[in-house]
Each structure stands twice: as structure tokens, then as C-alpha cells.
């Protein structure tokens, strides 16, 4: 398993997911500061020239949600998804697609000060997105109730970015949710890998 990766990018989501699965993997560095994502070779992996991307023995997957879904299905023993036939499959897919389809666009709109259109835009606005998350978390510790999943990983890691950017207040139910996710051992391991990679880059300068 090869993860196309660079520190301090969305590739961290896939790194965390791989640590959750326990599957062996290697990092393939794509230096986005040097424009390596714009090379012809990487275009074949992800034509959008973004991280993360994954290569599983020739099976290539890009886009955060797709990478996480692929890994959840690929390693069912890790119980990070909901298999076909599971009554929770629909809810799992809904929330897995919610982060890139609703939360991230609403964050970008708020960050850039763009004039929104809560009627025409699928995400409405950031306030509506926050209310939907808060309502979902009223039913249990995680989006699927008591079971942590890839949907939580994607949502919590993105909410953390929203907190740092001061787009959302890390208080109440949502703040506690992110804290629970960040307290997971696999998250700590992924952070350690990230810090190692950052340290190696600093040493190489």
C-alpha cells in the first residue's frame, strides 16, 4: 500500500486511516511546494493534482472520501465502515460524503467571504452545516452511534481545521466530539509520523 503524501496536507486523513486499519504502507512523497503534483506521472494518479492519493498494488484511488471508503471496504476487520447489507450503510455513506460535499464548501465560502446562496447551494451555509452535525451527534458519541467510522475520521479532522481557522467555535458537543476523535491511539500514531516527516524535511534543509 502506497500513500502519496506530504506533511500538513489533507493526506493526513489517509495517513490516520491507514493507522486505524493497521495495514502496512509506505509513503510516496509528493512535494507540493516544489510543484511535484503537477507532473505527468502524478496526473495519472490524480488528474486534479491533489493529495491524498493511494496505490494498492496498481489500484489507484484519489479524493479523500473515496480513499477512506476504499480502505474501509478493503479492511473490513478494522470496522471503519458499514458493509453492503448493513442497516448503517446508508448513514455511513451520507456522512462520509457530507464533509467534502457540505462542510468543506461552507468553510471555503466563509473563509473567502464569498456571497453564498443558501437556497441554491447544496451545503446551505456554515450555520446550517453546524446544526446538522450537532443534531447527528445528539444520537451517540459517533455518527453511527457508538461505532467510530471513517466518516468520523473525515469529519473530525476537517472540523479541527475549522477550529484552527476560527470558522467554528470548538465548544459544546462538536468540540467534545473532535476531542474524542483526536484521543484515539491511531490518531496519535499518525501525528507521530507527521512530526517525523516534518522533522526530516527540516533536517534536509
N, C-alpha and C. Protein backbone atom coordinates (compact mmCIF):
# COMPACT_ATOMS: atom_id res chain seq x y z
N UNK A 1 0.86 -1.19 0.00
CA UNK A 1 0.00 0.00 0.00
C UNK A 1 0.89 1.23 0.00
N UNK A 2 0.66 2.12 -0.96
CA UNK A 2 1.46 3.33 -1.08
C UNK A 2 0.55 4.55 -0.95
N UNK A 3 0.92 5.43 -0.02
CA UNK A 3 0.17 6.67 0.17
C UNK A 3 0.98 7.82 -0.40
N UNK A 4 0.41 8.51 -1.37
CA UNK A 4 1.03 9.73 -1.89
C UNK A 4 0.78 10.82 -0.85
N UNK A 5 1.86 11.42 -0.38
CA UNK A 5 1.77 12.18 0.88
C UNK A 5 2.71 13.37 0.88
N UNK A 6 2.29 14.40 1.62
CA UNK A 6 3.17 15.50 2.00
C UNK A 6 2.65 16.04 3.32
N UNK A 7 3.54 16.40 4.25
CA UNK A 7 3.07 16.88 5.56
C UNK A 7 2.20 18.12 5.45
N UNK A 8 1.32 18.27 6.43
CA UNK A 8 0.44 19.43 6.56
C UNK A 8 -0.48 19.59 5.35
N UNK A 9 -0.96 18.47 4.84
CA UNK A 9 -1.94 18.48 3.76
C UNK A 9 -3.10 17.56 4.15
N UNK A 10 -4.08 17.47 3.27
CA UNK A 10 -5.20 16.56 3.52
C UNK A 10 -4.78 15.10 3.49
N UNK A 11 -3.57 14.84 3.06
CA UNK A 11 -3.08 13.46 3.08
C UNK A 11 -3.03 12.90 4.50
N UNK A 12 -3.04 13.79 5.49
CA UNK A 12 -3.05 13.32 6.88
C UNK A 12 -4.27 12.45 7.16
N UNK A 13 -5.38 12.77 6.51
CA UNK A 13 -6.59 11.97 6.73
C UNK A 13 -6.35 10.51 6.35
N UNK A 14 -5.74 10.31 5.20
CA UNK A 14 -5.48 8.94 4.74
C UNK A 14 -4.42 8.27 5.61
N UNK A 15 -3.45 9.05 6.05
CA UNK A 15 -2.42 8.52 6.96
C UNK A 15 -3.07 8.02 8.24
N UNK A 16 -3.94 8.82 8.81
CA UNK A 16 -4.66 8.42 10.03
C UNK A 16 -5.49 7.16 9.76
N UNK A 17 -6.16 7.13 8.63
CA UNK A 17 -6.99 5.98 8.29
C UNK A 17 -6.14 4.71 8.17
N UNK A 18 -4.99 4.82 7.56
CA UNK A 18 -4.11 3.66 7.44
C UNK A 18 -3.65 3.18 8.81
N UNK A 19 -3.38 4.11 9.70
CA UNK A 19 -3.00 3.72 11.06
C UNK A 19 -4.17 3.05 11.77
N UNK A 20 -5.38 3.47 11.50
CA UNK A 20 -6.55 2.82 12.09
C UNK A 20 -6.70 1.38 11.59
N UNK A 21 -6.41 1.16 10.31
CA UNK A 21 -6.56 -0.19 9.76
C UNK A 21 -5.48 -1.14 10.23
N UNK A 22 -4.30 -0.60 10.54
CA UNK A 22 -3.17 -1.44 10.91
C UNK A 22 -2.47 -2.07 9.72
N UNK A 23 -2.87 -1.70 8.52
CA UNK A 23 -2.26 -2.27 7.30
C UNK A 23 -0.88 -1.66 7.07
N UNK A 24 0.07 -2.45 6.57
CA UNK A 24 1.38 -1.89 6.24
C UNK A 24 1.27 -0.95 5.05
N UNK A 25 2.05 0.11 5.07
CA UNK A 25 2.02 1.08 3.98
C UNK A 25 3.36 1.78 3.88
N UNK A 26 3.58 2.42 2.76
CA UNK A 26 4.75 3.25 2.56
C UNK A 26 4.30 4.62 2.10
N UNK A 27 5.12 5.63 2.38
CA UNK A 27 4.82 6.99 1.96
C UNK A 27 5.58 7.31 0.68
N UNK A 28 4.86 7.82 -0.29
CA UNK A 28 5.47 8.32 -1.53
C UNK A 28 5.35 9.84 -1.51
N UNK A 29 6.46 10.51 -1.30
CA UNK A 29 6.42 11.96 -1.12
C UNK A 29 6.09 12.68 -2.43
N UNK A 30 5.16 13.60 -2.33
CA UNK A 30 4.81 14.49 -3.44
C UNK A 30 4.98 15.91 -2.91
N UNK A 31 6.10 16.52 -3.23
CA UNK A 31 6.42 17.84 -2.69
C UNK A 31 5.57 18.91 -3.39
N UNK A 32 4.47 19.26 -2.76
CA UNK A 32 3.56 20.23 -3.38
C UNK A 32 4.17 21.63 -3.38
N UNK A 33 5.15 21.88 -2.50
CA UNK A 33 5.81 23.19 -2.51
C UNK A 33 6.68 23.35 -3.75
N UNK A 34 7.18 22.23 -4.26
CA UNK A 34 8.02 22.26 -5.45
C UNK A 34 7.24 21.96 -6.72
N UNK A 35 5.92 21.80 -6.60
CA UNK A 35 5.09 21.57 -7.77
C UNK A 35 5.09 20.15 -8.30
N UNK A 36 5.51 19.18 -7.47
CA UNK A 36 5.58 17.80 -7.95
C UNK A 36 4.20 17.21 -8.25
N UNK A 37 3.15 17.82 -7.73
CA UNK A 37 1.80 17.33 -8.01
C UNK A 37 1.38 17.64 -9.44
N UNK A 38 2.14 18.50 -10.11
CA UNK A 38 1.80 18.89 -11.48
C UNK A 38 2.54 18.08 -12.54
N UNK A 39 3.23 17.03 -12.11
CA UNK A 39 3.95 16.21 -13.07
C UNK A 39 3.00 15.26 -13.80
N UNK A 40 3.43 14.82 -14.97
CA UNK A 40 2.60 13.91 -15.77
C UNK A 40 2.34 12.61 -15.03
N UNK A 41 3.34 12.09 -14.34
CA UNK A 41 3.18 10.83 -13.61
C UNK A 41 2.09 10.94 -12.55
N UNK A 42 2.08 12.05 -11.80
CA UNK A 42 1.07 12.18 -10.75
C UNK A 42 -0.30 12.48 -11.33
N UNK A 43 -0.35 13.13 -12.48
CA UNK A 43 -1.64 13.35 -13.14
C UNK A 43 -2.36 12.03 -13.38
N UNK A 44 -1.60 10.98 -13.65
CA UNK A 44 -2.21 9.68 -13.91
C UNK A 44 -2.79 9.08 -12.64
N UNK A 45 -2.28 9.49 -11.51
CA UNK A 45 -2.80 9.02 -10.22
C UNK A 45 -4.02 9.85 -9.83
N UNK A 46 -3.88 11.17 -9.90
CA UNK A 46 -4.99 12.07 -9.59
C UNK A 46 -4.95 13.25 -10.55
N UNK A 47 -5.84 13.27 -11.54
CA UNK A 47 -5.84 14.36 -12.52
C UNK A 47 -6.13 15.72 -11.92
N UNK A 48 -6.64 15.76 -10.68
CA UNK A 48 -6.87 17.04 -10.02
C UNK A 48 -5.62 17.56 -9.31
N UNK A 49 -4.54 16.75 -9.33
CA UNK A 49 -3.24 17.19 -8.79
C UNK A 49 -3.31 17.50 -7.30
N UNK A 50 -4.09 16.72 -6.56
CA UNK A 50 -4.25 16.96 -5.13
C UNK A 50 -3.89 15.71 -4.33
N UNK A 51 -3.63 15.94 -3.05
CA UNK A 51 -3.41 14.85 -2.11
C UNK A 51 -4.64 14.79 -1.19
N UNK A 52 -4.96 13.56 -0.69
CA UNK A 52 -4.20 12.32 -0.81
C UNK A 52 -4.56 11.53 -2.07
N UNK A 53 -3.70 10.55 -2.34
CA UNK A 53 -3.98 9.54 -3.35
C UNK A 53 -3.33 8.26 -2.87
N UNK A 54 -3.86 7.14 -3.35
CA UNK A 54 -3.44 5.84 -2.84
C UNK A 54 -3.20 4.90 -4.00
N UNK A 55 -2.19 4.04 -3.84
CA UNK A 55 -1.93 2.98 -4.82
C UNK A 55 -1.86 1.66 -4.05
N UNK A 56 -2.82 0.80 -4.33
CA UNK A 56 -2.88 -0.51 -3.68
C UNK A 56 -2.57 -1.57 -4.73
N UNK A 57 -1.28 -1.82 -4.93
CA UNK A 57 -0.85 -2.83 -5.90
C UNK A 57 -1.46 -2.58 -7.27
N UNK A 58 -1.40 -1.33 -7.70
CA UNK A 58 -1.90 -0.98 -9.03
C UNK A 58 -3.29 -0.40 -9.05
N UNK A 59 -4.04 -0.57 -7.96
CA UNK A 59 -5.36 0.05 -7.84
C UNK A 59 -5.16 1.46 -7.29
N UNK A 60 -5.47 2.46 -8.10
CA UNK A 60 -5.22 3.84 -7.70
C UNK A 60 -6.53 4.55 -7.35
N UNK A 61 -6.50 5.23 -6.22
CA UNK A 61 -7.68 5.93 -5.73
C UNK A 61 -7.27 7.32 -5.26
N UNK A 62 -8.05 8.32 -5.63
CA UNK A 62 -7.83 9.68 -5.17
C UNK A 62 -9.13 10.24 -4.61
N UNK A 63 -9.03 11.44 -4.02
CA UNK A 63 -10.12 12.12 -3.31
C UNK A 63 -10.28 11.51 -1.91
N UNK A 64 -10.27 12.37 -0.91
CA UNK A 64 -10.25 11.91 0.48
C UNK A 64 -11.35 10.91 0.81
N UNK A 65 -12.59 11.27 0.47
CA UNK A 65 -13.70 10.37 0.80
C UNK A 65 -13.58 9.03 0.12
N UNK A 66 -13.15 9.04 -1.14
CA UNK A 66 -13.01 7.78 -1.88
C UNK A 66 -11.89 6.93 -1.30
N UNK A 67 -10.79 7.57 -0.93
CA UNK A 67 -9.67 6.84 -0.32
C UNK A 67 -10.11 6.18 0.97
N UNK A 68 -10.82 6.93 1.81
CA UNK A 68 -11.27 6.37 3.08
C UNK A 68 -12.28 5.26 2.88
N UNK A 69 -13.19 5.42 1.95
CA UNK A 69 -14.18 4.38 1.67
C UNK A 69 -13.48 3.13 1.14
N UNK A 70 -12.52 3.31 0.26
CA UNK A 70 -11.78 2.17 -0.28
C UNK A 70 -11.10 1.40 0.85
N UNK A 71 -10.45 2.12 1.75
CA UNK A 71 -9.74 1.46 2.84
C UNK A 71 -10.70 0.79 3.82
N UNK A 72 -11.84 1.43 4.07
CA UNK A 72 -12.83 0.83 4.97
C UNK A 72 -13.35 -0.49 4.40
N UNK A 73 -13.60 -0.52 3.09
CA UNK A 73 -14.08 -1.75 2.44
C UNK A 73 -12.95 -2.77 2.28
N UNK A 74 -11.76 -2.27 2.07
CA UNK A 74 -10.60 -3.16 1.84
C UNK A 74 -10.21 -3.89 3.11
N UNK A 75 -10.40 -3.26 4.26
CA UNK A 75 -10.01 -3.85 5.55
C UNK A 75 -11.22 -3.90 6.48
N UNK A 76 -12.19 -4.75 6.18
CA UNK A 76 -13.44 -4.78 6.97
C UNK A 76 -13.23 -5.13 8.44
N UNK A 77 -12.15 -5.86 8.75
CA UNK A 77 -11.92 -6.26 10.14
C UNK A 77 -11.67 -5.06 11.04
N UNK A 78 -11.23 -3.94 10.45
CA UNK A 78 -10.99 -2.73 11.24
C UNK A 78 -12.29 -2.06 11.65
N UNK A 79 -13.40 -2.45 11.03
CA UNK A 79 -14.74 -1.93 11.36
C UNK A 79 -14.79 -0.41 11.30
N UNK A 80 -14.28 0.14 10.19
CA UNK A 80 -14.27 1.58 10.00
C UNK A 80 -15.32 2.02 8.98
N UNK A 81 -16.13 1.08 8.54
CA UNK A 81 -17.18 1.39 7.59
C UNK A 81 -18.44 0.63 7.95
N UNK A 82 -19.30 0.47 6.97
CA UNK A 82 -20.53 -0.33 7.12
C UNK A 82 -20.70 -1.08 5.81
N UNK A 83 -20.56 -2.38 5.82
CA UNK A 83 -20.60 -3.14 4.56
C UNK A 83 -21.98 -3.11 3.92
N UNK A 84 -22.01 -3.45 2.64
CA UNK A 84 -23.29 -3.56 1.92
C UNK A 84 -24.17 -4.56 2.67
N UNK A 85 -25.40 -4.19 2.91
CA UNK A 85 -26.31 -5.04 3.68
C UNK A 85 -26.46 -4.61 5.12
N UNK A 86 -25.48 -3.87 5.64
CA UNK A 86 -25.55 -3.34 7.00
C UNK A 86 -26.58 -2.22 7.02
N UNK A 87 -27.51 -2.22 7.97
CA UNK A 87 -28.51 -1.15 8.04
C UNK A 87 -27.90 0.25 8.18
N UNK A 88 -26.65 0.32 8.66
CA UNK A 88 -26.00 1.61 8.83
C UNK A 88 -25.26 2.08 7.59
N UNK A 89 -25.28 1.27 6.52
CA UNK A 89 -24.53 1.62 5.31
C UNK A 89 -24.96 2.98 4.74
N UNK A 90 -26.26 3.21 4.69
CA UNK A 90 -26.74 4.46 4.12
C UNK A 90 -26.29 5.66 4.93
N UNK A 91 -26.41 5.56 6.23
CA UNK A 91 -25.99 6.68 7.09
C UNK A 91 -24.48 6.90 6.99
N UNK A 92 -23.73 5.81 6.92
CA UNK A 92 -22.28 5.91 6.78
C UNK A 92 -21.90 6.66 5.51
N UNK A 93 -22.51 6.28 4.40
CA UNK A 93 -22.21 6.94 3.13
C UNK A 93 -22.63 8.40 3.16
N UNK A 94 -23.80 8.66 3.73
CA UNK A 94 -24.27 10.05 3.81
C UNK A 94 -23.25 10.93 4.51
N UNK A 95 -22.77 10.49 5.65
CA UNK A 95 -21.85 11.32 6.42
C UNK A 95 -20.44 11.31 5.85
N UNK A 96 -20.06 10.26 5.17
CA UNK A 96 -18.75 10.25 4.52
C UNK A 96 -18.70 11.30 3.41
N UNK A 97 -19.82 11.44 2.68
CA UNK A 97 -19.88 12.42 1.60
C UNK A 97 -20.22 13.82 2.10
N UNK A 98 -20.71 13.93 3.32
CA UNK A 98 -21.11 15.21 3.89
C UNK A 98 -19.93 16.16 4.03
N UNK A 99 -18.79 15.65 4.47
CA UNK A 99 -17.64 16.53 4.71
C UNK A 99 -17.16 17.23 3.43
N UNK A 100 -16.84 16.47 2.35
CA UNK A 100 -16.41 17.18 1.14
C UNK A 100 -17.56 17.89 0.41
N UNK A 101 -18.79 17.40 0.59
CA UNK A 101 -19.91 17.97 -0.16
C UNK A 101 -20.59 19.14 0.51
N UNK A 102 -20.48 19.23 1.85
CA UNK A 102 -21.17 20.30 2.58
C UNK A 102 -20.22 21.11 3.47
N UNK A 103 -19.49 20.42 4.34
CA UNK A 103 -18.66 21.15 5.30
C UNK A 103 -17.54 21.93 4.62
N UNK A 104 -16.79 21.29 3.76
CA UNK A 104 -15.66 21.98 3.14
C UNK A 104 -16.08 23.16 2.27
N UNK A 105 -17.11 23.02 1.42
CA UNK A 105 -17.55 24.19 0.65
C UNK A 105 -18.04 25.33 1.54
N UNK A 106 -18.75 24.99 2.61
CA UNK A 106 -19.25 26.03 3.52
C UNK A 106 -18.09 26.73 4.22
N UNK A 107 -17.05 25.97 4.58
CA UNK A 107 -15.86 26.56 5.19
C UNK A 107 -15.16 27.50 4.21
N UNK A 108 -15.02 27.05 2.96
CA UNK A 108 -14.35 27.87 1.95
C UNK A 108 -15.13 29.16 1.70
N UNK A 109 -16.43 29.04 1.67
CA UNK A 109 -17.28 30.22 1.46
C UNK A 109 -17.09 31.22 2.59
N UNK A 110 -17.08 30.72 3.82
CA UNK A 110 -16.91 31.58 4.99
C UNK A 110 -15.52 32.20 5.01
N UNK A 111 -14.51 31.41 4.69
CA UNK A 111 -13.13 31.87 4.75
C UNK A 111 -12.84 32.96 3.71
N UNK A 112 -13.41 32.81 2.55
CA UNK A 112 -13.14 33.75 1.46
C UNK A 112 -14.09 34.95 1.46
N UNK A 113 -15.14 34.85 2.26
CA UNK A 113 -16.11 35.93 2.27
C UNK A 113 -16.99 35.97 1.04
N UNK A 114 -17.05 34.84 0.32
CA UNK A 114 -17.87 34.78 -0.90
C UNK A 114 -19.34 34.92 -0.54
N UNK A 115 -20.08 35.53 -1.44
CA UNK A 115 -21.52 35.66 -1.21
C UNK A 115 -22.19 34.33 -1.50
N UNK A 116 -22.85 33.78 -0.52
CA UNK A 116 -23.45 32.47 -0.66
C UNK A 116 -24.87 32.54 -1.22
N UNK A 117 -25.43 31.36 -1.38
CA UNK A 117 -26.81 31.24 -1.81
C UNK A 117 -27.36 29.99 -1.13
N UNK A 118 -27.92 30.17 0.05
CA UNK A 118 -28.32 29.03 0.86
C UNK A 118 -29.45 28.23 0.23
N UNK A 119 -30.14 28.81 -0.74
CA UNK A 119 -31.20 28.08 -1.42
C UNK A 119 -30.63 27.19 -2.53
N UNK A 120 -29.72 27.74 -3.33
CA UNK A 120 -29.20 27.01 -4.49
C UNK A 120 -28.03 26.10 -4.14
N UNK A 121 -27.21 26.48 -3.15
CA UNK A 121 -26.03 25.70 -2.81
C UNK A 121 -26.41 24.53 -1.92
N UNK A 122 -25.91 23.36 -2.27
CA UNK A 122 -26.28 22.14 -1.55
C UNK A 122 -25.91 22.16 -0.08
N UNK A 123 -24.89 22.94 0.28
CA UNK A 123 -24.46 22.98 1.67
C UNK A 123 -25.20 24.06 2.46
N UNK A 124 -25.99 24.88 1.80
CA UNK A 124 -26.70 25.93 2.51
C UNK A 124 -25.73 27.00 2.95
N UNK A 125 -25.29 26.90 4.20
CA UNK A 125 -24.26 27.79 4.74
C UNK A 125 -23.64 27.09 5.95
N UNK A 126 -22.61 27.70 6.52
CA UNK A 126 -21.88 27.04 7.60
C UNK A 126 -22.76 26.85 8.83
N UNK A 127 -23.67 27.75 9.08
CA UNK A 127 -24.56 27.61 10.23
C UNK A 127 -25.46 26.38 10.07
N UNK A 128 -25.97 26.18 8.86
CA UNK A 128 -26.81 25.01 8.61
C UNK A 128 -26.00 23.72 8.74
N UNK A 129 -24.78 23.75 8.24
CA UNK A 129 -23.90 22.58 8.34
C UNK A 129 -23.63 22.25 9.80
N UNK A 130 -23.30 23.26 10.59
CA UNK A 130 -23.02 23.05 12.01
C UNK A 130 -24.24 22.47 12.72
N UNK A 131 -25.41 22.98 12.40
CA UNK A 131 -26.63 22.49 13.04
C UNK A 131 -26.88 21.03 12.70
N UNK A 132 -26.59 20.64 11.45
CA UNK A 132 -26.78 19.25 11.04
C UNK A 132 -25.84 18.32 11.79
N UNK A 133 -24.59 18.76 11.96
CA UNK A 133 -23.62 17.94 12.69
C UNK A 133 -24.04 17.81 14.14
N UNK A 134 -24.41 18.92 14.72
CA UNK A 134 -24.80 18.91 16.13
C UNK A 134 -25.99 17.99 16.36
N UNK A 135 -26.95 18.01 15.44
CA UNK A 135 -28.11 17.13 15.56
C UNK A 135 -27.70 15.66 15.46
N UNK A 136 -26.82 15.35 14.53
CA UNK A 136 -26.37 13.96 14.34
C UNK A 136 -25.65 13.44 15.57
N UNK A 137 -24.88 14.30 16.21
CA UNK A 137 -24.11 13.88 17.38
C UNK A 137 -24.96 13.78 18.63
N UNK A 138 -26.20 14.17 18.54
CA UNK A 138 -27.10 14.02 19.67
C UNK A 138 -27.57 12.59 19.86
N UNK A 139 -27.23 11.72 18.89
CA UNK A 139 -27.70 10.34 18.93
C UNK A 139 -26.64 9.36 19.42
N UNK A 140 -25.45 9.85 19.73
CA UNK A 140 -24.39 8.96 20.21
C UNK A 140 -23.05 9.65 20.12
N UNK A 141 -22.00 8.97 20.57
CA UNK A 141 -20.67 9.56 20.55
C UNK A 141 -20.16 9.79 19.13
N UNK A 142 -20.62 8.93 18.19
CA UNK A 142 -20.13 8.99 16.82
C UNK A 142 -21.30 9.08 15.84
N UNK A 143 -20.99 9.29 14.59
CA UNK A 143 -22.03 9.46 13.58
C UNK A 143 -22.87 8.21 13.40
N UNK A 144 -22.28 7.05 13.65
CA UNK A 144 -23.03 5.79 13.57
C UNK A 144 -23.49 5.32 14.94
N UNK A 145 -23.54 6.24 15.87
CA UNK A 145 -23.97 5.87 17.22
C UNK A 145 -22.76 5.62 18.10
N UNK A 146 -22.52 4.36 18.43
CA UNK A 146 -21.40 4.02 19.31
C UNK A 146 -20.19 3.50 18.54
N UNK A 147 -20.28 3.47 17.22
CA UNK A 147 -19.18 2.93 16.42
C UNK A 147 -18.44 4.03 15.66
N UNK A 148 -17.15 4.19 15.96
CA UNK A 148 -16.31 5.13 15.21
C UNK A 148 -16.12 4.60 13.80
N UNK A 149 -16.15 5.50 12.81
CA UNK A 149 -16.00 5.08 11.42
C UNK A 149 -15.15 6.08 10.65
N UNK A 150 -14.88 5.72 9.39
CA UNK A 150 -14.13 6.61 8.51
C UNK A 150 -14.85 7.94 8.34
N UNK A 151 -16.16 7.94 8.44
CA UNK A 151 -16.91 9.19 8.32
C UNK A 151 -16.57 10.13 9.47
N UNK A 152 -16.37 9.58 10.67
CA UNK A 152 -15.96 10.39 11.82
C UNK A 152 -14.55 10.92 11.61
N UNK A 153 -13.68 10.09 11.10
CA UNK A 153 -12.29 10.49 10.87
C UNK A 153 -12.25 11.69 9.93
N UNK A 154 -13.00 11.62 8.85
CA UNK A 154 -13.01 12.68 7.87
C UNK A 154 -13.64 13.95 8.43
N UNK A 155 -14.74 13.79 9.13
CA UNK A 155 -15.44 14.95 9.69
C UNK A 155 -14.62 15.61 10.79
N UNK A 156 -14.12 14.82 11.73
CA UNK A 156 -13.40 15.38 12.88
C UNK A 156 -12.12 16.08 12.44
N UNK A 157 -11.40 15.49 11.49
CA UNK A 157 -10.15 16.11 11.04
C UNK A 157 -10.43 17.43 10.34
N UNK A 158 -11.56 17.54 9.65
CA UNK A 158 -11.92 18.78 8.96
C UNK A 158 -12.44 19.81 9.95
N UNK A 159 -13.19 19.38 10.94
CA UNK A 159 -13.64 20.30 11.98
C UNK A 159 -12.46 20.90 12.72
N UNK A 160 -11.42 20.11 12.91
CA UNK A 160 -10.23 20.62 13.58
C UNK A 160 -9.62 21.78 12.79
N UNK A 161 -9.62 21.65 11.48
CA UNK A 161 -9.14 22.74 10.62
C UNK A 161 -10.03 23.97 10.78
N UNK A 162 -11.34 23.75 10.85
CA UNK A 162 -12.28 24.85 11.04
C UNK A 162 -12.05 25.56 12.37
N UNK A 163 -11.69 24.79 13.39
CA UNK A 163 -11.41 25.39 14.70
C UNK A 163 -10.15 26.26 14.62
N UNK A 164 -9.10 25.72 14.01
CA UNK A 164 -7.83 26.44 13.91
C UNK A 164 -8.02 27.73 13.11
N UNK A 165 -8.83 27.65 12.06
CA UNK A 165 -9.09 28.82 11.22
C UNK A 165 -10.13 29.76 11.83
N UNK A 166 -10.63 29.40 13.02
CA UNK A 166 -11.62 30.21 13.73
C UNK A 166 -12.91 30.41 12.92
N UNK A 167 -13.25 29.38 12.15
CA UNK A 167 -14.51 29.40 11.42
C UNK A 167 -15.64 28.86 12.27
N UNK A 168 -15.28 27.98 13.21
CA UNK A 168 -16.25 27.42 14.15
C UNK A 168 -15.65 27.46 15.55
N UNK A 169 -16.51 27.54 16.53
CA UNK A 169 -16.09 27.56 17.93
C UNK A 169 -15.96 26.12 18.44
N UNK A 170 -14.77 25.75 18.95
CA UNK A 170 -14.59 24.37 19.45
C UNK A 170 -15.21 24.17 20.81
N UNK A 171 -16.49 24.40 20.92
CA UNK A 171 -17.17 24.28 22.20
C UNK A 171 -18.34 23.33 22.06
N UNK A 172 -18.84 22.90 23.20
CA UNK A 172 -20.04 22.08 23.21
C UNK A 172 -19.85 20.71 22.60
N UNK A 173 -20.93 20.18 22.08
CA UNK A 173 -20.98 18.82 21.57
C UNK A 173 -19.96 18.58 20.46
N UNK A 174 -19.82 19.54 19.54
CA UNK A 174 -18.90 19.37 18.42
C UNK A 174 -17.46 19.37 18.89
N UNK A 175 -17.13 20.26 19.81
CA UNK A 175 -15.78 20.29 20.35
C UNK A 175 -15.42 19.01 21.08
N UNK A 176 -16.35 18.49 21.86
CA UNK A 176 -16.11 17.24 22.59
C UNK A 176 -15.93 16.07 21.63
N UNK A 177 -16.68 16.10 20.54
CA UNK A 177 -16.59 15.06 19.51
C UNK A 177 -15.20 15.04 18.89
N UNK A 178 -14.68 16.21 18.54
CA UNK A 178 -13.35 16.27 17.94
C UNK A 178 -12.29 15.81 18.95
N UNK A 179 -12.46 16.19 20.19
CA UNK A 179 -11.51 15.77 21.22
C UNK A 179 -11.49 14.25 21.35
N UNK A 180 -12.65 13.61 21.29
CA UNK A 180 -12.71 12.14 21.37
C UNK A 180 -11.96 11.51 20.20
N UNK A 181 -12.16 12.07 19.02
CA UNK A 181 -11.50 11.52 17.84
C UNK A 181 -9.99 11.69 17.93
N UNK A 182 -9.53 12.86 18.37
CA UNK A 182 -8.10 13.12 18.46
C UNK A 182 -7.42 12.30 19.56
N UNK A 183 -8.22 11.78 20.48
CA UNK A 183 -7.66 10.98 21.57
C UNK A 183 -7.42 9.52 21.16
N UNK A 184 -7.83 9.14 19.98
CA UNK A 184 -7.64 7.76 19.53
C UNK A 184 -6.16 7.46 19.31
N UNK A 185 -5.78 6.22 19.63
CA UNK A 185 -4.37 5.83 19.52
C UNK A 185 -3.87 5.95 18.09
N UNK A 186 -4.70 5.60 17.12
CA UNK A 186 -4.27 5.66 15.73
C UNK A 186 -4.01 7.11 15.31
N UNK A 187 -4.79 8.03 15.84
CA UNK A 187 -4.54 9.44 15.55
C UNK A 187 -3.18 9.86 16.11
N UNK A 188 -2.89 9.44 17.33
CA UNK A 188 -1.60 9.77 17.94
C UNK A 188 -0.44 9.20 17.12
N UNK A 189 -0.61 7.98 16.61
CA UNK A 189 0.44 7.39 15.78
C UNK A 189 0.62 8.17 14.48
N UNK A 190 -0.49 8.58 13.89
CA UNK A 190 -0.41 9.35 12.65
C UNK A 190 0.26 10.70 12.90
N UNK A 191 -0.05 11.34 14.02
CA UNK A 191 0.60 12.59 14.36
C UNK A 191 2.10 12.39 14.52
N UNK A 192 2.50 11.28 15.14
CA UNK A 192 3.92 10.99 15.32
C UNK A 192 4.62 10.82 13.97
N UNK A 193 3.96 10.15 13.03
CA UNK A 193 4.52 10.00 11.68
C UNK A 193 4.65 11.37 11.02
N UNK A 194 3.62 12.18 11.15
CA UNK A 194 3.65 13.52 10.56
C UNK A 194 4.79 14.36 11.13
N UNK A 195 4.95 14.30 12.44
CA UNK A 195 6.03 15.06 13.07
C UNK A 195 7.40 14.54 12.64
N UNK A 196 7.51 13.25 12.47
CA UNK A 196 8.77 12.67 11.98
C UNK A 196 9.09 13.19 10.58
N UNK A 197 8.07 13.23 9.73
CA UNK A 197 8.27 13.69 8.36
C UNK A 197 8.61 15.18 8.32
N UNK A 198 7.98 15.97 9.16
CA UNK A 198 8.29 17.39 9.23
C UNK A 198 9.72 17.59 9.71
N UNK A 199 10.12 16.80 10.73
CA UNK A 199 11.48 16.90 11.24
C UNK A 199 12.52 16.53 10.19
N UNK A 200 12.21 15.50 9.40
CA UNK A 200 13.15 15.08 8.34
C UNK A 200 13.31 16.16 7.30
N UNK A 201 12.23 16.85 6.98
CA UNK A 201 12.31 17.93 5.99
C UNK A 201 13.15 19.09 6.52
N UNK A 202 12.99 19.41 7.79
CA UNK A 202 13.76 20.49 8.38
C UNK A 202 15.24 20.14 8.40
N UNK A 203 15.54 18.88 8.70
CA UNK A 203 16.94 18.45 8.75
C UNK A 203 17.60 18.48 7.40
N UNK A 204 16.78 18.28 6.34
CA UNK A 204 17.33 18.21 4.99
C UNK A 204 17.60 19.60 4.40
N UNK A 205 17.14 20.64 5.06
CA UNK A 205 17.32 21.99 4.51
C UNK A 205 18.76 22.47 4.74
